[in-house]
Amino acid sequence: MQIEYTGRQMEVTPDLRQYTEERLGKLNRVLRNHCKIHVILEAAKHRRIAEITLQWRDHTLVALEETADPRSSIHGALDKLEKQAVRLLQRKWTRKRRPAPASAVTFNVMAEPKSNETRQVLTTERIPIKPLTMEEAIESLEADSRELVIFRNVQTDRVNVVYRQQNGRLVLVEPEP
């Protein structure tokens, strides 16, 4: 943790530095020591203002507190900063993690095995997965010469397959929820 101090119309004493560093202990544990902190202490008439700026990864947190005593200003600003840091980490922890939707599927056409041979791949084709409704998928199946359509269902946001059986019926393959 890198800490930089600036004093405006007041001197930043070693006592205030030590107090600030002691109070930064909780923040240090929460953010795991990987941050830069800039503490600005300012005196204006009877007010003592503490402004603390924290830079962590690509986030910047700022807390400002104004009281009559510099220690209580630092205390209040650090409390605000701790709340912001905890809120930031909670957002990170509670974010729903879903796998990235597939944009294309590899489609292999297999050859029929001759007696004791294993199956061989005849052709490989990459088919883009487009978001379609059921009606649009059926229209696409009838318009193209392909035997099946792989699409992302707009209503369920899942990958579905529509194909035509040999008897002419349409079949929908849909994954379980």
Protein backbone atom coordinates (compact mmCIF):
# COMPACT_ATOMS: atom_id res chain seq x y z
CA MET A 1 0.00 0.00 0.00
CA GLN A 2 1.45 3.34 -1.06
CA ILE A 3 0.39 6.33 1.04
CA GLU A 4 1.06 9.91 0.02
CA TYR A 5 0.31 12.88 2.28
CA THR A 6 -0.40 16.50 1.37
CA GLY A 7 -0.95 19.30 3.88
CA ARG A 8 -2.68 22.55 2.90
CA GLN A 9 -2.29 25.39 5.40
CA MET A 10 -1.30 22.80 8.01
CA GLU A 11 1.58 20.48 8.72
CA VAL A 12 1.06 16.74 8.51
CA THR A 13 2.67 15.62 11.76
CA PRO A 14 4.12 12.14 12.35
CA ASP A 15 1.35 11.61 14.90
CA LEU A 16 -1.35 12.18 12.24
CA ARG A 17 0.54 9.90 9.80
CA GLN A 18 0.71 7.12 12.39
CA TYR A 19 -2.98 7.51 13.26
CA THR A 20 -3.94 7.34 9.57
CA GLU A 21 -1.83 4.25 8.94
CA GLU A 22 -3.29 2.47 11.97
CA ARG A 23 -6.82 3.24 10.78
CA LEU A 24 -5.97 1.97 7.28
CA GLY A 25 -5.51 -1.55 8.69
CA LYS A 26 -9.05 -2.73 7.90
CA LEU A 27 -8.94 -1.19 4.44
CA ASN A 28 -5.58 -2.89 3.89
CA ARG A 29 -7.09 -6.30 4.75
CA VAL A 30 -10.14 -5.76 2.54
CA LEU A 31 -8.20 -4.67 -0.56
CA ARG A 32 -5.21 -6.95 0.08
CA ASN A 33 -2.50 -4.31 0.03
CA HIS A 34 -2.78 -3.47 -3.69
CA CYS A 35 -3.77 0.19 -3.68
CA LYS A 36 -2.50 3.75 -3.74
CA ILE A 37 -3.82 6.24 -1.20
CA HIS A 38 -3.51 10.02 -1.25
CA VAL A 39 -4.40 11.80 2.00
CA ILE A 40 -5.00 15.56 1.81
CA LEU A 41 -5.34 17.42 5.11
CA GLU A 42 -6.51 21.03 4.92
CA ALA A 43 -7.07 23.78 7.48
CA ALA A 44 -9.61 26.50 6.66
CA LYS A 45 -10.55 28.92 9.47
CA HIS A 46 -11.93 26.68 12.22
CA ARG A 47 -12.50 23.64 9.98
CA ARG A 48 -10.18 20.67 9.40
CA ILE A 49 -10.87 18.85 6.15
CA ALA A 50 -9.60 15.37 5.33
CA GLU A 51 -9.88 14.16 1.73
CA ILE A 52 -8.71 10.61 1.03
CA THR A 53 -8.43 9.26 -2.51
CA LEU A 54 -7.89 5.54 -3.03
CA GLN A 55 -6.92 3.98 -6.36
CA TRP A 56 -7.44 0.23 -6.59
CA ARG A 57 -7.17 -1.60 -9.90
CA ASP A 58 -9.29 0.52 -12.24
CA HIS A 59 -11.46 2.07 -9.50
CA THR A 60 -11.04 5.39 -7.72
CA LEU A 61 -12.76 5.94 -4.38
CA VAL A 62 -12.90 9.37 -2.74
CA ALA A 63 -14.03 10.29 0.78
CA LEU A 64 -14.25 13.80 2.25
CA GLU A 65 -14.91 14.71 5.86
CA GLU A 66 -15.00 18.14 7.52
CA THR A 67 -14.88 18.61 11.32
CA ALA A 68 -13.13 20.80 13.89
CA ASP A 69 -10.46 18.18 14.72
CA PRO A 70 -8.04 16.63 12.16
CA ARG A 71 -8.20 13.18 13.80
CA SER A 72 -11.98 13.02 13.66
CA SER A 73 -11.87 14.22 10.03
CA ILE A 74 -9.49 11.39 9.16
CA HIS A 75 -11.62 8.92 11.12
CA GLY A 76 -14.83 9.96 9.31
CA ALA A 77 -13.21 9.95 5.86
CA LEU A 78 -11.72 6.48 6.42
CA ASP A 79 -15.10 5.16 7.59
CA LYS A 80 -16.69 6.42 4.38
CA LEU A 81 -13.86 4.92 2.32
CA GLU A 82 -14.21 1.53 4.03
CA LYS A 83 -17.94 1.46 3.26
CA GLN A 84 -17.26 2.30 -0.39
CA ALA A 85 -14.59 -0.42 -0.65
CA VAL A 86 -16.83 -3.07 0.92
CA ARG A 87 -19.71 -2.06 -1.37
CA LEU A 88 -17.39 -2.30 -4.40
CA LEU A 89 -16.21 -5.78 -3.43
CA GLN A 90 -19.75 -6.96 -2.67
CA ARG A 91 -20.79 -5.91 -6.17
CA LYS A 92 -17.95 -8.00 -7.51
CA TRP A 93 -18.85 -11.02 -5.36
CA THR A 94 -22.59 -10.98 -6.05
CA ARG A 95 -22.32 -10.52 -9.81
CA LYS A 96 -23.89 -13.46 -11.58
CA ARG A 97 -21.29 -15.38 -13.51
CA ARG A 98 -22.64 -16.97 -16.64
CA PRO A 99 -20.70 -18.58 -19.41
CA ALA A 100 -20.31 -16.51 -22.54
CA PRO A 101 -22.96 -17.46 -25.08
CA ALA A 102 -21.69 -19.52 -27.97
CA SER A 103 -21.44 -17.61 -31.22
CA ALA A 104 -20.86 -20.60 -33.52
CA VAL A 105 -21.10 -24.38 -33.41
CA THR A 106 -18.93 -26.90 -35.26
CA PHE A 107 -21.12 -29.30 -37.19
CA ASN A 108 -19.54 -32.63 -38.28
CA VAL A 109 -21.06 -34.92 -40.90
CA MET A 110 -20.07 -38.54 -40.22
CA ALA A 111 -19.76 -41.28 -42.84
CA GLU A 112 -21.41 -44.67 -42.38
CA PRO A 113 -18.88 -47.27 -41.26
CA LYS A 114 -18.01 -50.08 -43.68
CA SER A 115 -17.97 -53.39 -41.84
CA ASN A 116 -15.20 -53.14 -39.17
CA GLU A 117 -14.14 -49.51 -39.74
CA THR A 118 -14.78 -46.63 -37.37
CA ARG A 119 -16.79 -43.61 -38.39
CA GLN A 120 -14.97 -40.88 -40.28
CA VAL A 121 -15.69 -37.17 -40.48
CA LEU A 122 -16.61 -36.25 -44.07
CA THR A 123 -17.10 -32.50 -43.67
CA THR A 124 -16.87 -29.94 -40.91
CA GLU A 125 -18.86 -26.74 -41.05
CA ARG A 126 -19.07 -23.79 -38.64
CA ILE A 127 -22.64 -22.63 -38.24
CA PRO A 128 -23.28 -19.20 -36.67
CA ILE A 129 -25.78 -19.14 -33.84
CA LYS A 130 -28.23 -16.31 -34.41
CA PRO A 131 -30.94 -15.15 -32.03
CA LEU A 132 -34.23 -16.17 -33.66
CA THR A 133 -37.82 -16.86 -32.73
CA MET A 134 -39.28 -20.29 -33.41
CA GLU A 135 -41.15 -19.03 -36.48
CA GLU A 136 -38.00 -17.41 -37.92
CA ALA A 137 -36.07 -20.66 -37.40
CA ILE A 138 -38.72 -22.67 -39.27
CA GLU A 139 -38.72 -20.13 -42.12
CA SER A 140 -34.92 -20.32 -42.24
CA LEU A 141 -35.07 -24.12 -42.38
CA GLU A 142 -37.53 -24.03 -45.29
CA ALA A 143 -35.56 -21.33 -47.14
CA ASP A 144 -32.11 -22.96 -46.86
CA SER A 145 -31.02 -26.28 -48.23
CA ARG A 146 -29.67 -27.30 -44.82
CA GLU A 147 -31.27 -30.13 -42.93
CA LEU A 148 -31.17 -28.33 -39.59
CA VAL A 149 -31.05 -24.88 -38.02
CA ILE A 150 -29.14 -24.14 -34.82
CA PHE A 151 -30.28 -20.90 -33.16
CA ARG A 152 -30.50 -19.04 -29.87
CA ASN A 153 -34.14 -18.91 -28.84
CA VAL A 154 -35.10 -15.29 -28.12
CA GLN A 155 -37.67 -16.22 -25.46
CA THR A 156 -35.50 -18.65 -23.45
CA ASP A 157 -32.01 -17.42 -24.43
CA ARG A 158 -30.91 -21.05 -24.92
CA VAL A 159 -29.43 -22.81 -27.93
CA ASN A 160 -32.07 -24.85 -29.80
CA VAL A 161 -32.01 -27.07 -32.89
CA VAL A 162 -34.80 -27.51 -35.44
CA TYR A 163 -34.52 -30.28 -38.04
CA ARG A 164 -36.73 -32.12 -40.51
CA GLN A 165 -37.25 -35.87 -40.16
CA GLN A 166 -37.36 -38.20 -43.18
CA ASN A 167 -41.15 -38.30 -42.99
CA GLY A 168 -41.28 -34.48 -43.28
CA ARG A 169 -42.10 -33.58 -39.68
CA LEU A 170 -40.22 -30.81 -37.91
CA VAL A 171 -38.46 -31.60 -34.62
CA LEU A 172 -37.32 -29.10 -32.01
CA VAL A 173 -34.42 -30.07 -29.72
CA GLU A 174 -34.39 -27.89 -26.62
CA PRO A 175 -32.03 -28.26 -23.60
CA GLU A 176 -33.45 -28.84 -20.14
CA PRO A 177 -33.51 -25.78 -17.86
